[in-house]
Amino acid sequence: MVRAIILVKSPKKLIAARLRKITSVSDSFPTSGQFDAVAIIDVEQLIQIKEVANQIQKINGVDRTETMVEVQ
């Protein structure tokens, strides 16, 4: 299992709720600061992180994302 955190910049108020609708997102919540929401994802393979990040970037209102992969 591979875990990653995707930081999301979006002016949309309910972006965290939209993120939770993506299958691989195990948790999502709004944040203050440079980014507006965080999505925690759990996938089987490293390549799937890019696929999930691409899904998030296609959500209407998402300006940009930054991905951090958990290192064990």
N, C-alpha and C. Protein backbone atom coordinates (compact mmCIF):
# COMPACT_ATOMS: atom_id res chain seq x y z
N MET A 1 0.85 -1.18 0.00
CA MET A 1 0.00 0.00 0.00
C MET A 1 0.89 1.24 0.00
N VAL A 2 0.54 2.19 -0.82
CA VAL A 2 1.26 3.45 -0.92
C VAL A 2 0.32 4.57 -0.49
N ARG A 3 0.81 5.45 0.36
CA ARG A 3 0.00 6.57 0.84
C ARG A 3 0.64 7.86 0.36
N ALA A 4 -0.23 8.81 -0.02
CA ALA A 4 0.25 10.13 -0.44
C ALA A 4 -0.71 11.19 0.08
N ILE A 5 -0.18 12.39 0.17
CA ILE A 5 -0.99 13.55 0.54
C ILE A 5 -0.96 14.50 -0.64
N ILE A 6 -2.14 14.91 -1.08
CA ILE A 6 -2.23 15.85 -2.18
C ILE A 6 -2.81 17.15 -1.64
N LEU A 7 -2.04 18.22 -1.75
CA LEU A 7 -2.48 19.55 -1.35
C LEU A 7 -3.18 20.18 -2.53
N VAL A 8 -4.33 20.82 -2.28
CA VAL A 8 -5.15 21.36 -3.37
C VAL A 8 -5.41 22.84 -3.16
N LYS A 9 -5.14 23.61 -4.20
CA LYS A 9 -5.43 25.04 -4.21
C LYS A 9 -6.69 25.25 -5.04
N SER A 10 -7.74 25.78 -4.40
CA SER A 10 -9.01 25.99 -5.09
C SER A 10 -9.83 27.03 -4.34
N PRO A 11 -10.41 27.98 -5.07
CA PRO A 11 -11.26 28.97 -4.41
C PRO A 11 -12.64 28.41 -4.05
N LYS A 12 -12.96 27.21 -4.50
CA LYS A 12 -14.27 26.60 -4.22
C LYS A 12 -14.37 26.25 -2.74
N LYS A 13 -15.49 26.59 -2.13
CA LYS A 13 -15.67 26.37 -0.69
C LYS A 13 -15.80 24.89 -0.32
N LEU A 14 -16.42 24.10 -1.16
CA LEU A 14 -16.69 22.69 -0.82
C LEU A 14 -15.75 21.73 -1.52
N ILE A 15 -14.52 22.17 -1.81
CA ILE A 15 -13.60 21.32 -2.55
C ILE A 15 -13.25 20.05 -1.78
N ALA A 16 -13.16 20.10 -0.46
CA ALA A 16 -12.83 18.91 0.33
C ALA A 16 -13.91 17.84 0.16
N ALA A 17 -15.17 18.24 0.10
CA ALA A 17 -16.26 17.27 -0.10
C ALA A 17 -16.17 16.65 -1.48
N ARG A 18 -15.79 17.43 -2.47
CA ARG A 18 -15.64 16.89 -3.83
C ARG A 18 -14.49 15.90 -3.90
N LEU A 19 -13.43 16.17 -3.16
CA LEU A 19 -12.28 15.27 -3.15
C LEU A 19 -12.65 13.91 -2.58
N ARG A 20 -13.50 13.90 -1.56
CA ARG A 20 -13.89 12.63 -0.91
C ARG A 20 -14.66 11.71 -1.84
N LYS A 21 -15.19 12.23 -2.94
CA LYS A 21 -15.94 11.41 -3.88
C LYS A 21 -15.02 10.56 -4.76
N ILE A 22 -13.73 10.84 -4.77
CA ILE A 22 -12.78 10.05 -5.55
C ILE A 22 -12.46 8.78 -4.78
N THR A 23 -12.52 7.66 -5.46
CA THR A 23 -12.41 6.34 -4.83
C THR A 23 -11.18 6.17 -3.94
N SER A 24 -10.02 6.57 -4.38
CA SER A 24 -8.78 6.33 -3.63
C SER A 24 -8.55 7.31 -2.50
N VAL A 25 -9.38 8.34 -2.38
CA VAL A 25 -9.22 9.33 -1.31
C VAL A 25 -9.80 8.76 -0.02
N SER A 26 -8.93 8.53 0.96
CA SER A 26 -9.39 7.96 2.23
C SER A 26 -9.86 9.04 3.19
N ASP A 27 -9.34 10.26 3.03
CA ASP A 27 -9.78 11.37 3.87
C ASP A 27 -9.48 12.68 3.15
N SER A 28 -10.26 13.68 3.45
CA SER A 28 -10.06 15.01 2.87
C SER A 28 -10.64 16.04 3.82
N PHE A 29 -9.95 17.16 3.94
CA PHE A 29 -10.44 18.21 4.83
C PHE A 29 -9.92 19.57 4.36
N PRO A 30 -10.67 20.63 4.68
CA PRO A 30 -10.23 21.98 4.32
C PRO A 30 -9.07 22.41 5.23
N THR A 31 -8.23 23.30 4.71
CA THR A 31 -7.12 23.81 5.48
C THR A 31 -7.01 25.32 5.29
N SER A 32 -6.26 25.95 6.15
CA SER A 32 -5.94 27.37 5.96
C SER A 32 -4.49 27.46 5.51
N GLY A 33 -4.13 28.56 4.91
CA GLY A 33 -2.76 28.73 4.45
C GLY A 33 -2.68 28.73 2.94
N GLN A 34 -1.55 28.32 2.42
CA GLN A 34 -1.29 28.36 0.98
C GLN A 34 -2.23 27.46 0.18
N PHE A 35 -2.62 26.33 0.76
CA PHE A 35 -3.54 25.41 0.09
C PHE A 35 -4.88 25.40 0.81
N ASP A 36 -5.93 25.04 0.08
CA ASP A 36 -7.28 25.12 0.62
C ASP A 36 -7.84 23.79 1.12
N ALA A 37 -7.22 22.68 0.68
CA ALA A 37 -7.70 21.37 1.11
C ALA A 37 -6.57 20.35 1.01
N VAL A 38 -6.74 19.27 1.75
CA VAL A 38 -5.80 18.15 1.74
C VAL A 38 -6.58 16.90 1.40
N ALA A 39 -6.01 16.08 0.52
CA ALA A 39 -6.58 14.76 0.23
C ALA A 39 -5.54 13.71 0.59
N ILE A 40 -5.93 12.76 1.40
CA ILE A 40 -5.04 11.64 1.74
C ILE A 40 -5.49 10.46 0.89
N ILE A 41 -4.55 9.90 0.14
CA ILE A 41 -4.92 8.80 -0.75
C ILE A 41 -4.13 7.54 -0.41
N ASP A 42 -4.76 6.41 -0.60
CA ASP A 42 -4.14 5.10 -0.41
C ASP A 42 -4.35 4.31 -1.69
N VAL A 43 -3.25 3.87 -2.31
CA VAL A 43 -3.31 3.11 -3.55
C VAL A 43 -2.37 1.91 -3.45
N GLU A 44 -2.53 0.99 -4.37
CA GLU A 44 -1.70 -0.22 -4.37
C GLU A 44 -0.31 0.03 -4.96
N GLN A 45 -0.24 0.84 -6.02
CA GLN A 45 1.03 1.05 -6.71
C GLN A 45 1.34 2.53 -6.84
N LEU A 46 2.62 2.85 -6.88
CA LEU A 46 3.08 4.23 -6.96
C LEU A 46 2.50 4.96 -8.17
N ILE A 47 2.41 4.30 -9.31
CA ILE A 47 1.90 4.94 -10.53
C ILE A 47 0.47 5.43 -10.38
N GLN A 48 -0.30 4.81 -9.50
CA GLN A 48 -1.69 5.20 -9.29
C GLN A 48 -1.82 6.58 -8.65
N ILE A 49 -0.79 7.04 -7.96
CA ILE A 49 -0.83 8.37 -7.35
C ILE A 49 -1.00 9.42 -8.43
N LYS A 50 -0.27 9.28 -9.52
CA LYS A 50 -0.38 10.23 -10.63
C LYS A 50 -1.79 10.22 -11.21
N GLU A 51 -2.38 9.03 -11.33
CA GLU A 51 -3.74 8.92 -11.86
C GLU A 51 -4.74 9.66 -10.98
N VAL A 52 -4.62 9.51 -9.67
CA VAL A 52 -5.52 10.19 -8.74
C VAL A 52 -5.28 11.69 -8.78
N ALA A 53 -4.02 12.10 -8.83
CA ALA A 53 -3.71 13.53 -8.92
C ALA A 53 -4.31 14.13 -10.19
N ASN A 54 -4.26 13.40 -11.29
CA ASN A 54 -4.87 13.88 -12.54
C ASN A 54 -6.38 14.02 -12.40
N GLN A 55 -7.03 13.08 -11.71
CA GLN A 55 -8.47 13.17 -11.47
C GLN A 55 -8.80 14.42 -10.66
N ILE A 56 -7.99 14.70 -9.64
CA ILE A 56 -8.21 15.87 -8.80
C ILE A 56 -8.02 17.15 -9.61
N GLN A 57 -7.01 17.18 -10.45
CA GLN A 57 -6.74 18.38 -11.25
C GLN A 57 -7.85 18.67 -12.26
N LYS A 58 -8.62 17.65 -12.61
CA LYS A 58 -9.73 17.84 -13.56
C LYS A 58 -11.00 18.36 -12.90
N ILE A 59 -11.04 18.41 -11.57
CA ILE A 59 -12.21 18.92 -10.86
C ILE A 59 -12.34 20.41 -11.14
N ASN A 60 -13.52 20.84 -11.50
CA ASN A 60 -13.78 22.24 -11.80
C ASN A 60 -13.41 23.11 -10.59
N GLY A 61 -12.55 24.09 -10.81
CA GLY A 61 -12.17 25.00 -9.74
C GLY A 61 -10.83 24.70 -9.10
N VAL A 62 -10.22 23.57 -9.42
CA VAL A 62 -8.90 23.27 -8.87
C VAL A 62 -7.86 24.04 -9.66
N ASP A 63 -7.11 24.90 -8.96
CA ASP A 63 -6.08 25.71 -9.61
C ASP A 63 -4.77 24.95 -9.75
N ARG A 64 -4.36 24.27 -8.67
CA ARG A 64 -3.13 23.49 -8.72
C ARG A 64 -3.08 22.50 -7.57
N THR A 65 -2.17 21.55 -7.68
CA THR A 65 -1.99 20.56 -6.63
C THR A 65 -0.51 20.38 -6.36
N GLU A 66 -0.22 19.84 -5.20
CA GLU A 66 1.15 19.43 -4.87
C GLU A 66 1.05 18.10 -4.14
N THR A 67 1.84 17.14 -4.58
CA THR A 67 1.75 15.78 -4.05
C THR A 67 2.98 15.44 -3.24
N MET A 68 2.74 14.81 -2.09
CA MET A 68 3.82 14.32 -1.23
C MET A 68 3.56 12.85 -0.97
N VAL A 69 4.55 12.00 -1.24
CA VAL A 69 4.41 10.57 -1.05
C VAL A 69 5.04 10.18 0.29
N GLU A 70 4.31 9.36 1.05
CA GLU A 70 4.82 8.89 2.33
C GLU A 70 6.04 8.00 2.10
N VAL A 71 7.11 8.23 2.85
CA VAL A 71 8.32 7.45 2.74
C VAL A 71 8.43 6.59 4.01
N GLN A 72 8.65 5.31 3.79
CA GLN A 72 8.76 4.40 4.95
C GLN A 72 10.11 3.77 5.01
